[in-house]
N, C-alpha and C. Protein backbone atom coordinates (compact mmCIF):
# COMPACT_ATOMS: atom_id res chain seq x y z
N MET A 1 0.84 -1.18 0.00
CA MET A 1 0.00 0.00 0.00
C MET A 1 0.89 1.24 0.00
N GLU A 2 0.63 2.15 -0.95
CA GLU A 2 1.44 3.35 -1.05
C GLU A 2 1.06 4.34 0.03
N GLU A 3 2.06 5.06 0.49
CA GLU A 3 1.82 6.10 1.49
C GLU A 3 1.36 7.36 0.78
N SER A 4 0.33 7.97 1.29
CA SER A 4 -0.23 9.17 0.69
C SER A 4 0.49 10.41 1.20
N THR A 5 0.72 11.36 0.30
CA THR A 5 1.35 12.62 0.70
C THR A 5 0.32 13.61 1.19
N GLY A 6 -0.94 13.36 0.91
CA GLY A 6 -1.99 14.26 1.34
C GLY A 6 -2.41 15.24 0.26
N ALA A 7 -1.52 15.61 -0.67
CA ALA A 7 -1.85 16.60 -1.69
C ALA A 7 -2.97 16.11 -2.59
N GLU A 8 -2.91 14.84 -3.00
CA GLU A 8 -3.96 14.32 -3.87
C GLU A 8 -5.25 14.06 -3.10
N ASP A 9 -5.18 14.04 -1.77
CA ASP A 9 -6.34 13.81 -0.93
C ASP A 9 -7.04 15.10 -0.56
N ALA A 10 -6.47 16.24 -0.94
CA ALA A 10 -7.00 17.54 -0.53
C ALA A 10 -8.43 17.70 -1.03
N PRO A 11 -9.30 18.23 -0.17
CA PRO A 11 -10.68 18.43 -0.57
C PRO A 11 -10.79 19.48 -1.67
N GLN A 12 -11.74 19.31 -2.54
CA GLN A 12 -11.94 20.21 -3.67
C GLN A 12 -13.13 21.13 -3.41
N GLY A 13 -13.27 22.16 -4.21
CA GLY A 13 -14.43 23.04 -4.15
C GLY A 13 -14.37 24.03 -3.00
N ALA A 14 -15.51 24.68 -2.80
CA ALA A 14 -15.60 25.73 -1.79
C ALA A 14 -15.36 25.19 -0.37
N PHE A 15 -15.92 24.02 -0.09
CA PHE A 15 -15.74 23.43 1.24
C PHE A 15 -14.26 23.14 1.50
N GLY A 16 -13.60 22.56 0.51
CA GLY A 16 -12.17 22.27 0.64
C GLY A 16 -11.35 23.53 0.81
N SER A 17 -11.69 24.56 0.05
CA SER A 17 -10.98 25.84 0.17
C SER A 17 -11.16 26.43 1.56
N LEU A 18 -12.38 26.32 2.09
CA LEU A 18 -12.64 26.84 3.44
C LEU A 18 -11.82 26.07 4.48
N LEU A 19 -11.82 24.74 4.38
CA LEU A 19 -11.04 23.93 5.33
C LEU A 19 -9.56 24.29 5.28
N ARG A 20 -9.05 24.43 4.07
CA ARG A 20 -7.63 24.77 3.88
C ARG A 20 -7.34 26.16 4.44
N LEU A 21 -8.20 27.12 4.18
CA LEU A 21 -8.02 28.48 4.70
C LEU A 21 -8.00 28.49 6.22
N LEU A 22 -8.94 27.77 6.83
CA LEU A 22 -8.98 27.71 8.29
C LEU A 22 -7.69 27.10 8.85
N ALA A 23 -7.22 26.03 8.21
CA ALA A 23 -5.98 25.39 8.66
C ALA A 23 -4.78 26.32 8.49
N LEU A 24 -4.75 27.06 7.39
CA LEU A 24 -3.66 28.01 7.18
C LEU A 24 -3.67 29.13 8.22
N ILE A 25 -4.85 29.62 8.56
CA ILE A 25 -4.95 30.64 9.61
C ILE A 25 -4.43 30.06 10.92
N GLY A 26 -4.83 28.83 11.23
CA GLY A 26 -4.31 28.17 12.44
C GLY A 26 -2.80 28.06 12.40
N GLY A 27 -2.24 27.75 11.23
CA GLY A 27 -0.79 27.67 11.09
C GLY A 27 -0.11 29.01 11.33
N TRP A 28 -0.70 30.07 10.82
CA TRP A 28 -0.13 31.40 11.06
C TRP A 28 -0.23 31.80 12.53
N VAL A 29 -1.27 31.34 13.20
CA VAL A 29 -1.38 31.60 14.64
C VAL A 29 -0.24 30.88 15.38
N ILE A 30 0.13 29.68 14.92
CA ILE A 30 1.27 28.97 15.53
C ILE A 30 2.54 29.81 15.36
N VAL A 31 2.75 30.34 14.16
CA VAL A 31 3.94 31.16 13.91
C VAL A 31 3.93 32.39 14.82
N ALA A 32 2.79 33.07 14.90
CA ALA A 32 2.68 34.24 15.76
C ALA A 32 2.93 33.88 17.22
N LEU A 33 2.40 32.74 17.65
CA LEU A 33 2.61 32.30 19.04
C LEU A 33 4.07 31.99 19.30
N MET A 34 4.76 31.40 18.33
CA MET A 34 6.20 31.12 18.50
C MET A 34 6.98 32.43 18.65
N ILE A 35 6.67 33.41 17.80
CA ILE A 35 7.35 34.71 17.89
C ILE A 35 7.06 35.37 19.23
N TYR A 36 5.81 35.33 19.63
CA TYR A 36 5.40 35.92 20.91
C TYR A 36 6.14 35.24 22.07
N THR A 37 6.23 33.92 22.04
CA THR A 37 6.89 33.16 23.11
C THR A 37 8.38 33.47 23.16
N VAL A 38 9.03 33.54 22.01
CA VAL A 38 10.46 33.87 21.98
C VAL A 38 10.68 35.28 22.54
N ALA A 39 9.85 36.23 22.12
CA ALA A 39 9.97 37.59 22.64
C ALA A 39 9.74 37.63 24.14
N ASP A 40 8.76 36.86 24.62
CA ASP A 40 8.47 36.82 26.05
C ASP A 40 9.66 36.25 26.82
N VAL A 41 10.28 35.20 26.31
CA VAL A 41 11.45 34.61 26.98
C VAL A 41 12.61 35.60 27.01
N ILE A 42 12.84 36.27 25.90
CA ILE A 42 13.93 37.26 25.86
C ILE A 42 13.66 38.39 26.85
N LEU A 43 12.43 38.90 26.84
CA LEU A 43 12.10 39.97 27.77
C LEU A 43 12.19 39.52 29.23
N ARG A 44 11.81 38.26 29.47
CA ARG A 44 11.82 37.74 30.84
C ARG A 44 13.25 37.56 31.35
N TYR A 45 14.11 36.94 30.58
CA TYR A 45 15.43 36.56 31.08
C TYR A 45 16.52 37.60 30.83
N ILE A 46 16.35 38.44 29.85
CA ILE A 46 17.38 39.46 29.60
C ILE A 46 17.02 40.78 30.27
N PHE A 47 15.75 41.17 30.17
CA PHE A 47 15.35 42.47 30.70
C PHE A 47 14.49 42.39 31.96
N ASN A 48 14.17 41.17 32.38
CA ASN A 48 13.31 40.95 33.55
C ASN A 48 11.97 41.69 33.43
N ARG A 49 11.43 41.77 32.21
CA ARG A 49 10.17 42.46 31.92
C ARG A 49 9.31 41.60 30.98
N PRO A 50 8.77 40.48 31.46
CA PRO A 50 7.97 39.63 30.57
C PRO A 50 6.63 40.28 30.22
N PHE A 51 6.01 39.75 29.17
CA PHE A 51 4.65 40.18 28.85
C PHE A 51 3.72 39.74 29.97
N SER A 52 2.76 40.58 30.30
CA SER A 52 1.76 40.11 31.27
C SER A 52 0.66 39.39 30.48
N GLY A 53 0.13 38.37 31.06
CA GLY A 53 -0.94 37.62 30.41
C GLY A 53 -0.49 36.60 29.39
N SER A 54 0.75 36.18 29.46
CA SER A 54 1.27 35.23 28.47
C SER A 54 0.51 33.90 28.48
N ILE A 55 0.12 33.46 29.65
CA ILE A 55 -0.61 32.19 29.74
C ILE A 55 -1.96 32.32 29.03
N GLU A 56 -2.64 33.44 29.22
CA GLU A 56 -3.92 33.63 28.54
C GLU A 56 -3.76 33.69 27.03
N VAL A 57 -2.75 34.40 26.58
CA VAL A 57 -2.50 34.48 25.13
C VAL A 57 -2.27 33.08 24.58
N THR A 58 -1.48 32.29 25.27
CA THR A 58 -1.19 30.93 24.81
C THR A 58 -2.46 30.08 24.82
N GLU A 59 -3.26 30.19 25.86
CA GLU A 59 -4.49 29.39 25.93
C GLU A 59 -5.45 29.74 24.80
N PHE A 60 -5.66 31.02 24.56
CA PHE A 60 -6.55 31.43 23.47
C PHE A 60 -5.98 30.99 22.12
N ALA A 61 -4.67 31.16 21.94
CA ALA A 61 -4.04 30.77 20.68
C ALA A 61 -4.18 29.27 20.44
N MET A 62 -4.05 28.48 21.48
CA MET A 62 -4.17 27.03 21.32
C MET A 62 -5.57 26.62 20.87
N ALA A 63 -6.58 27.30 21.39
CA ALA A 63 -7.95 27.01 20.94
C ALA A 63 -8.09 27.29 19.45
N VAL A 64 -7.52 28.40 19.00
CA VAL A 64 -7.58 28.75 17.58
C VAL A 64 -6.80 27.74 16.74
N ILE A 65 -5.60 27.40 17.19
CA ILE A 65 -4.74 26.47 16.44
C ILE A 65 -5.42 25.11 16.29
N VAL A 66 -5.92 24.57 17.37
CA VAL A 66 -6.51 23.22 17.34
C VAL A 66 -7.80 23.20 16.52
N PHE A 67 -8.70 24.13 16.79
CA PHE A 67 -10.01 24.02 16.17
C PHE A 67 -10.08 24.56 14.74
N LEU A 68 -9.11 25.38 14.33
CA LEU A 68 -9.09 25.77 12.92
C LEU A 68 -8.46 24.69 12.05
N GLY A 69 -7.68 23.81 12.63
CA GLY A 69 -7.02 22.77 11.85
C GLY A 69 -7.65 21.40 11.95
N ILE A 70 -8.59 21.22 12.85
CA ILE A 70 -9.11 19.87 13.13
C ILE A 70 -9.82 19.25 11.93
N ALA A 71 -10.60 20.03 11.18
CA ALA A 71 -11.34 19.47 10.05
C ALA A 71 -10.40 19.12 8.89
N TRP A 72 -9.44 19.98 8.61
CA TRP A 72 -8.47 19.71 7.54
C TRP A 72 -7.68 18.44 7.85
N CYS A 73 -7.23 18.35 9.09
CA CYS A 73 -6.48 17.17 9.52
C CYS A 73 -7.35 15.91 9.40
N GLY A 74 -8.60 16.02 9.79
CA GLY A 74 -9.52 14.89 9.67
C GLY A 74 -9.76 14.50 8.23
N TRP A 75 -9.87 15.48 7.35
CA TRP A 75 -10.09 15.19 5.94
C TRP A 75 -8.93 14.38 5.36
N LEU A 76 -7.72 14.78 5.74
CA LEU A 76 -6.54 14.11 5.20
C LEU A 76 -6.20 12.82 5.94
N GLY A 77 -6.98 12.45 6.96
CA GLY A 77 -6.72 11.23 7.71
C GLY A 77 -5.53 11.37 8.64
N GLY A 78 -5.28 12.58 9.11
CA GLY A 78 -4.10 12.84 9.93
C GLY A 78 -4.29 12.65 11.42
N HIS A 79 -5.52 12.40 11.87
CA HIS A 79 -5.74 12.20 13.30
C HIS A 79 -5.22 10.84 13.73
N VAL A 80 -4.79 10.75 14.95
CA VAL A 80 -4.29 9.50 15.50
C VAL A 80 -5.45 8.50 15.55
N ALA A 81 -5.20 7.30 15.06
CA ALA A 81 -6.22 6.26 15.06
C ALA A 81 -5.65 5.02 15.73
N VAL A 82 -6.42 4.46 16.64
CA VAL A 82 -6.03 3.22 17.28
C VAL A 82 -6.77 2.10 16.56
N ASP A 83 -6.02 1.23 15.93
CA ASP A 83 -6.65 0.21 15.10
C ASP A 83 -6.56 -1.19 15.71
N ILE A 84 -6.79 -1.27 17.00
CA ILE A 84 -6.77 -2.56 17.70
C ILE A 84 -7.81 -3.51 17.10
N LEU A 85 -8.96 -2.95 16.74
CA LEU A 85 -10.06 -3.78 16.23
C LEU A 85 -10.11 -3.82 14.72
N GLU A 86 -9.10 -3.30 14.04
CA GLU A 86 -9.16 -3.24 12.58
C GLU A 86 -9.28 -4.63 11.96
N ARG A 87 -8.50 -5.57 12.40
CA ARG A 87 -8.52 -6.91 11.82
C ARG A 87 -9.88 -7.59 12.03
N PRO A 88 -10.43 -7.61 13.27
CA PRO A 88 -11.75 -8.23 13.42
C PRO A 88 -12.85 -7.52 12.64
N LEU A 89 -12.70 -6.19 12.42
CA LEU A 89 -13.73 -5.46 11.72
C LEU A 89 -13.64 -5.60 10.20
N GLU A 90 -12.68 -6.34 9.72
CA GLU A 90 -12.57 -6.58 8.28
C GLU A 90 -13.65 -7.56 7.80
N ASP A 91 -14.31 -8.24 8.72
CA ASP A 91 -15.42 -9.12 8.37
C ASP A 91 -16.51 -8.25 7.71
N PRO A 92 -16.91 -8.58 6.49
CA PRO A 92 -17.91 -7.76 5.78
C PRO A 92 -19.21 -7.55 6.56
N ARG A 93 -19.55 -8.48 7.42
CA ARG A 93 -20.77 -8.34 8.22
C ARG A 93 -20.66 -7.21 9.22
N LEU A 94 -19.44 -6.81 9.55
CA LEU A 94 -19.23 -5.76 10.55
C LEU A 94 -18.82 -4.42 9.92
N ARG A 95 -19.01 -4.29 8.62
CA ARG A 95 -18.54 -3.08 7.94
C ARG A 95 -19.25 -1.82 8.40
N PHE A 96 -20.40 -1.95 9.05
CA PHE A 96 -21.13 -0.76 9.49
C PHE A 96 -20.65 -0.23 10.84
N VAL A 97 -19.86 -1.01 11.56
CA VAL A 97 -19.37 -0.55 12.87
C VAL A 97 -18.55 0.73 12.74
N PRO A 98 -17.55 0.80 11.83
CA PRO A 98 -16.82 2.07 11.69
C PRO A 98 -17.71 3.22 11.23
N VAL A 99 -18.71 2.91 10.40
CA VAL A 99 -19.63 3.95 9.95
C VAL A 99 -20.42 4.50 11.14
N ILE A 100 -20.91 3.61 11.97
CA ILE A 100 -21.68 4.02 13.14
C ILE A 100 -20.81 4.84 14.10
N LEU A 101 -19.59 4.38 14.34
CA LEU A 101 -18.69 5.11 15.25
C LEU A 101 -18.33 6.48 14.69
N THR A 102 -18.10 6.56 13.38
CA THR A 102 -17.79 7.84 12.76
C THR A 102 -19.00 8.77 12.83
N PHE A 103 -20.19 8.21 12.62
CA PHE A 103 -21.41 9.00 12.73
C PHE A 103 -21.59 9.55 14.15
N ILE A 104 -21.35 8.71 15.14
CA ILE A 104 -21.43 9.15 16.54
C ILE A 104 -20.44 10.28 16.79
N GLY A 105 -19.22 10.15 16.24
CA GLY A 105 -18.24 11.22 16.37
C GLY A 105 -18.74 12.52 15.75
N GLY A 106 -19.38 12.42 14.58
CA GLY A 106 -19.95 13.60 13.93
C GLY A 106 -21.03 14.25 14.77
N VAL A 107 -21.90 13.43 15.34
CA VAL A 107 -22.95 13.95 16.21
C VAL A 107 -22.33 14.62 17.44
N LEU A 108 -21.30 14.01 18.00
CA LEU A 108 -20.62 14.58 19.16
C LEU A 108 -20.03 15.96 18.83
N PHE A 109 -19.35 16.07 17.68
CA PHE A 109 -18.76 17.37 17.33
C PHE A 109 -19.82 18.39 16.96
N LEU A 110 -20.95 17.94 16.41
CA LEU A 110 -22.05 18.85 16.16
C LEU A 110 -22.62 19.37 17.49
N ALA A 111 -22.72 18.49 18.48
CA ALA A 111 -23.18 18.90 19.81
C ALA A 111 -22.19 19.87 20.46
N ILE A 112 -20.90 19.62 20.30
CA ILE A 112 -19.90 20.54 20.84
C ILE A 112 -20.07 21.92 20.21
N ALA A 113 -20.28 21.96 18.89
CA ALA A 113 -20.47 23.24 18.20
C ALA A 113 -21.71 23.96 18.72
N TRP A 114 -22.80 23.23 18.80
CA TRP A 114 -24.07 23.82 19.25
C TRP A 114 -23.96 24.34 20.69
N LEU A 115 -23.43 23.54 21.59
CA LEU A 115 -23.31 23.95 22.99
C LEU A 115 -22.32 25.09 23.17
N THR A 116 -21.27 25.10 22.37
CA THR A 116 -20.29 26.18 22.47
C THR A 116 -20.88 27.50 21.99
N ILE A 117 -21.69 27.46 20.94
CA ILE A 117 -22.36 28.68 20.48
C ILE A 117 -23.29 29.19 21.58
N GLY A 118 -24.03 28.29 22.19
CA GLY A 118 -24.93 28.68 23.29
C GLY A 118 -24.16 29.31 24.44
N GLU A 119 -23.05 28.71 24.80
CA GLU A 119 -22.21 29.26 25.88
C GLU A 119 -21.66 30.63 25.51
N ALA A 120 -21.22 30.78 24.26
CA ALA A 120 -20.66 32.06 23.82
C ALA A 120 -21.73 33.15 23.86
N LEU A 121 -22.92 32.84 23.41
CA LEU A 121 -23.99 33.83 23.38
C LEU A 121 -24.48 34.20 24.77
N SER A 122 -24.43 33.25 25.69
CA SER A 122 -24.92 33.54 27.05
C SER A 122 -23.86 34.19 27.93
N THR A 123 -22.63 34.22 27.49
CA THR A 123 -21.55 34.81 28.31
C THR A 123 -20.73 35.82 27.50
N VAL A 124 -21.40 36.61 26.68
CA VAL A 124 -20.72 37.57 25.81
C VAL A 124 -19.86 38.55 26.61
N SER A 125 -20.26 38.86 27.79
CA SER A 125 -19.52 39.86 28.58
C SER A 125 -18.33 39.27 29.33
N ARG A 126 -18.14 37.95 29.30
CA ARG A 126 -17.02 37.33 30.02
C ARG A 126 -15.70 37.69 29.35
N VAL A 127 -14.73 38.13 30.18
CA VAL A 127 -13.41 38.48 29.66
C VAL A 127 -12.35 37.75 30.48
N SER A 128 -11.15 37.68 29.91
CA SER A 128 -10.05 37.02 30.62
C SER A 128 -9.54 37.93 31.74
N ASN A 129 -8.85 37.34 32.70
CA ASN A 129 -8.42 38.08 33.88
C ASN A 129 -7.36 39.13 33.60
N MET A 130 -6.28 38.74 32.94
CA MET A 130 -5.16 39.65 32.75
C MET A 130 -5.32 40.54 31.52
N MET A 131 -5.61 39.94 30.38
CA MET A 131 -5.64 40.67 29.12
C MET A 131 -6.98 41.38 28.88
N ARG A 132 -8.01 40.96 29.60
CA ARG A 132 -9.36 41.50 29.46
C ARG A 132 -9.92 41.25 28.05
N TRP A 133 -9.49 40.14 27.43
CA TRP A 133 -9.99 39.76 26.11
C TRP A 133 -11.33 39.04 26.29
N PRO A 134 -12.30 39.31 25.44
CA PRO A 134 -13.57 38.59 25.54
C PRO A 134 -13.37 37.12 25.14
N HIS A 135 -14.12 36.26 25.76
CA HIS A 135 -14.03 34.82 25.46
C HIS A 135 -14.77 34.44 24.20
N TYR A 136 -15.87 35.15 23.90
CA TYR A 136 -16.78 34.68 22.86
C TYR A 136 -16.14 34.52 21.47
N PRO A 137 -15.20 35.36 21.02
CA PRO A 137 -14.64 35.09 19.68
C PRO A 137 -13.93 33.74 19.61
N PHE A 138 -13.28 33.38 20.69
CA PHE A 138 -12.55 32.11 20.72
C PHE A 138 -13.52 30.94 20.85
N GLN A 139 -14.63 31.17 21.54
CA GLN A 139 -15.66 30.13 21.62
C GLN A 139 -16.31 29.92 20.25
N PHE A 140 -16.48 30.98 19.49
CA PHE A 140 -17.02 30.83 18.14
C PHE A 140 -16.05 30.08 17.23
N VAL A 141 -14.75 30.28 17.44
CA VAL A 141 -13.76 29.51 16.67
C VAL A 141 -13.88 28.03 17.01
N VAL A 142 -14.04 27.71 18.29
CA VAL A 142 -14.22 26.31 18.69
C VAL A 142 -15.49 25.74 18.04
N ALA A 143 -16.56 26.52 18.04
CA ALA A 143 -17.81 26.06 17.43
C ALA A 143 -17.66 25.86 15.92
N LEU A 144 -17.01 26.79 15.25
CA LEU A 144 -16.80 26.68 13.81
C LEU A 144 -15.96 25.45 13.48
N GLY A 145 -14.85 25.28 14.17
CA GLY A 145 -13.99 24.12 13.92
C GLY A 145 -14.70 22.81 14.20
N SER A 146 -15.48 22.77 15.26
CA SER A 146 -16.22 21.56 15.59
C SER A 146 -17.28 21.25 14.54
N ALA A 147 -17.99 22.27 14.07
CA ALA A 147 -19.01 22.07 13.03
C ALA A 147 -18.37 21.59 11.73
N MET A 148 -17.24 22.18 11.36
CA MET A 148 -16.56 21.76 10.13
C MET A 148 -16.09 20.31 10.24
N TYR A 149 -15.58 19.94 11.40
CA TYR A 149 -15.13 18.56 11.59
C TYR A 149 -16.32 17.59 11.57
N ALA A 150 -17.45 18.02 12.12
CA ALA A 150 -18.65 17.18 12.07
C ALA A 150 -19.05 16.91 10.62
N VAL A 151 -18.99 17.94 9.78
CA VAL A 151 -19.32 17.76 8.36
C VAL A 151 -18.35 16.76 7.73
N VAL A 152 -17.06 16.90 8.04
CA VAL A 152 -16.06 15.96 7.51
C VAL A 152 -16.40 14.53 7.95
N LEU A 153 -16.75 14.35 9.20
CA LEU A 153 -17.08 13.01 9.69
C LEU A 153 -18.32 12.45 8.99
N PHE A 154 -19.32 13.29 8.73
CA PHE A 154 -20.51 12.82 8.03
C PHE A 154 -20.17 12.44 6.58
N ILE A 155 -19.29 13.21 5.96
CA ILE A 155 -18.84 12.86 4.59
C ILE A 155 -18.10 11.52 4.63
N GLN A 156 -17.29 11.32 5.66
CA GLN A 156 -16.59 10.03 5.81
C GLN A 156 -17.59 8.89 5.90
N CYS A 157 -18.67 9.09 6.64
CA CYS A 157 -19.70 8.04 6.77
C CYS A 157 -20.26 7.67 5.40
N VAL A 158 -20.60 8.67 4.62
CA VAL A 158 -21.17 8.42 3.29
C VAL A 158 -20.16 7.68 2.42
N ARG A 159 -18.92 8.10 2.46
CA ARG A 159 -17.91 7.44 1.63
C ARG A 159 -17.64 6.02 2.09
N MET A 160 -17.68 5.77 3.38
CA MET A 160 -17.50 4.40 3.86
C MET A 160 -18.66 3.52 3.41
N LEU A 161 -19.86 4.07 3.40
CA LEU A 161 -21.03 3.30 2.96
C LEU A 161 -20.97 2.99 1.47
N ARG A 162 -20.38 3.89 0.70
CA ARG A 162 -20.26 3.68 -0.75
C ARG A 162 -19.17 2.68 -1.11
N LYS A 163 -18.22 2.47 -0.18
CA LYS A 163 -17.12 1.55 -0.44
C LYS A 163 -17.69 0.13 -0.52
N PRO A 164 -17.29 -0.63 -1.52
CA PRO A 164 -17.83 -1.99 -1.65
C PRO A 164 -17.42 -2.87 -0.47
N PRO A 165 -18.31 -3.80 -0.05
CA PRO A 165 -17.97 -4.72 1.05
C PRO A 165 -16.71 -5.51 0.70
N GLY A 166 -15.86 -5.68 1.70
CA GLY A 166 -14.61 -6.42 1.49
C GLY A 166 -13.57 -5.60 0.75
N GLY A 167 -13.83 -4.28 0.62
CA GLY A 167 -12.89 -3.39 -0.05
C GLY A 167 -11.63 -3.26 0.79
N GLU A 168 -10.70 -2.44 0.29
CA GLU A 168 -9.42 -2.27 0.96
C GLU A 168 -9.62 -1.78 2.38
N GLY A 169 -8.91 -2.35 3.34
CA GLY A 169 -8.99 -1.93 4.73
C GLY A 169 -8.16 -0.69 4.95
N GLY A 170 -7.86 -0.44 6.18
CA GLY A 170 -7.00 0.70 6.51
C GLY A 170 -7.79 1.84 7.07
N SER A 171 -7.14 2.96 7.16
CA SER A 171 -7.75 4.14 7.75
C SER A 171 -8.96 4.58 6.94
N HIS A 172 -9.95 5.12 7.58
CA HIS A 172 -11.18 5.47 6.94
C HIS A 172 -11.27 6.97 6.71
N HIS A 173 -10.20 7.58 6.27
CA HIS A 173 -10.30 9.02 6.06
C HIS A 173 -11.02 9.32 4.76
N VAL A 174 -11.42 10.57 4.60
CA VAL A 174 -12.30 10.99 3.53
C VAL A 174 -11.71 10.71 2.16
N ALA A 175 -10.42 10.78 2.02
CA ALA A 175 -9.79 10.71 0.71
C ALA A 175 -9.95 9.34 0.05
N GLN A 176 -10.37 8.33 0.75
CA GLN A 176 -10.47 7.01 0.14
C GLN A 176 -11.59 6.93 -0.85
């Protein structure tokens, strides 16, 4: 079995472009966070004047990084998968088990998106302690990333159902 580079697995169309854009924004946030962290370390150890609120900045940045990239990573099959049951599930009679589990994952991420939007709307005035940044923009990022990943998981379900019984095993990412 050939190893995929991911480029040929990239999603096409508007949805694919949106997933890629979100992942790229998350990547740029990583770069910004690295620069911020290096500057904070230099200010802390050379000038004894660190940025205040560094932990909050890092926490908010991590939410953006994780949830803007989660759907793209899922599309390309990049999430960690434990395949302890892969061999027993190769029985054609059990081909719906991965579909059901993927569907449950999609429902879970849809629920995360829905509940996070509710939390953001009900706590719009909540701000962080040091930086006084509002929480709701970051909660909306979590909701957006969760909703996009739920869509990816539902697409995976459809593609797994379309795969012929006894077809090639392996990871069940969207690109198959």
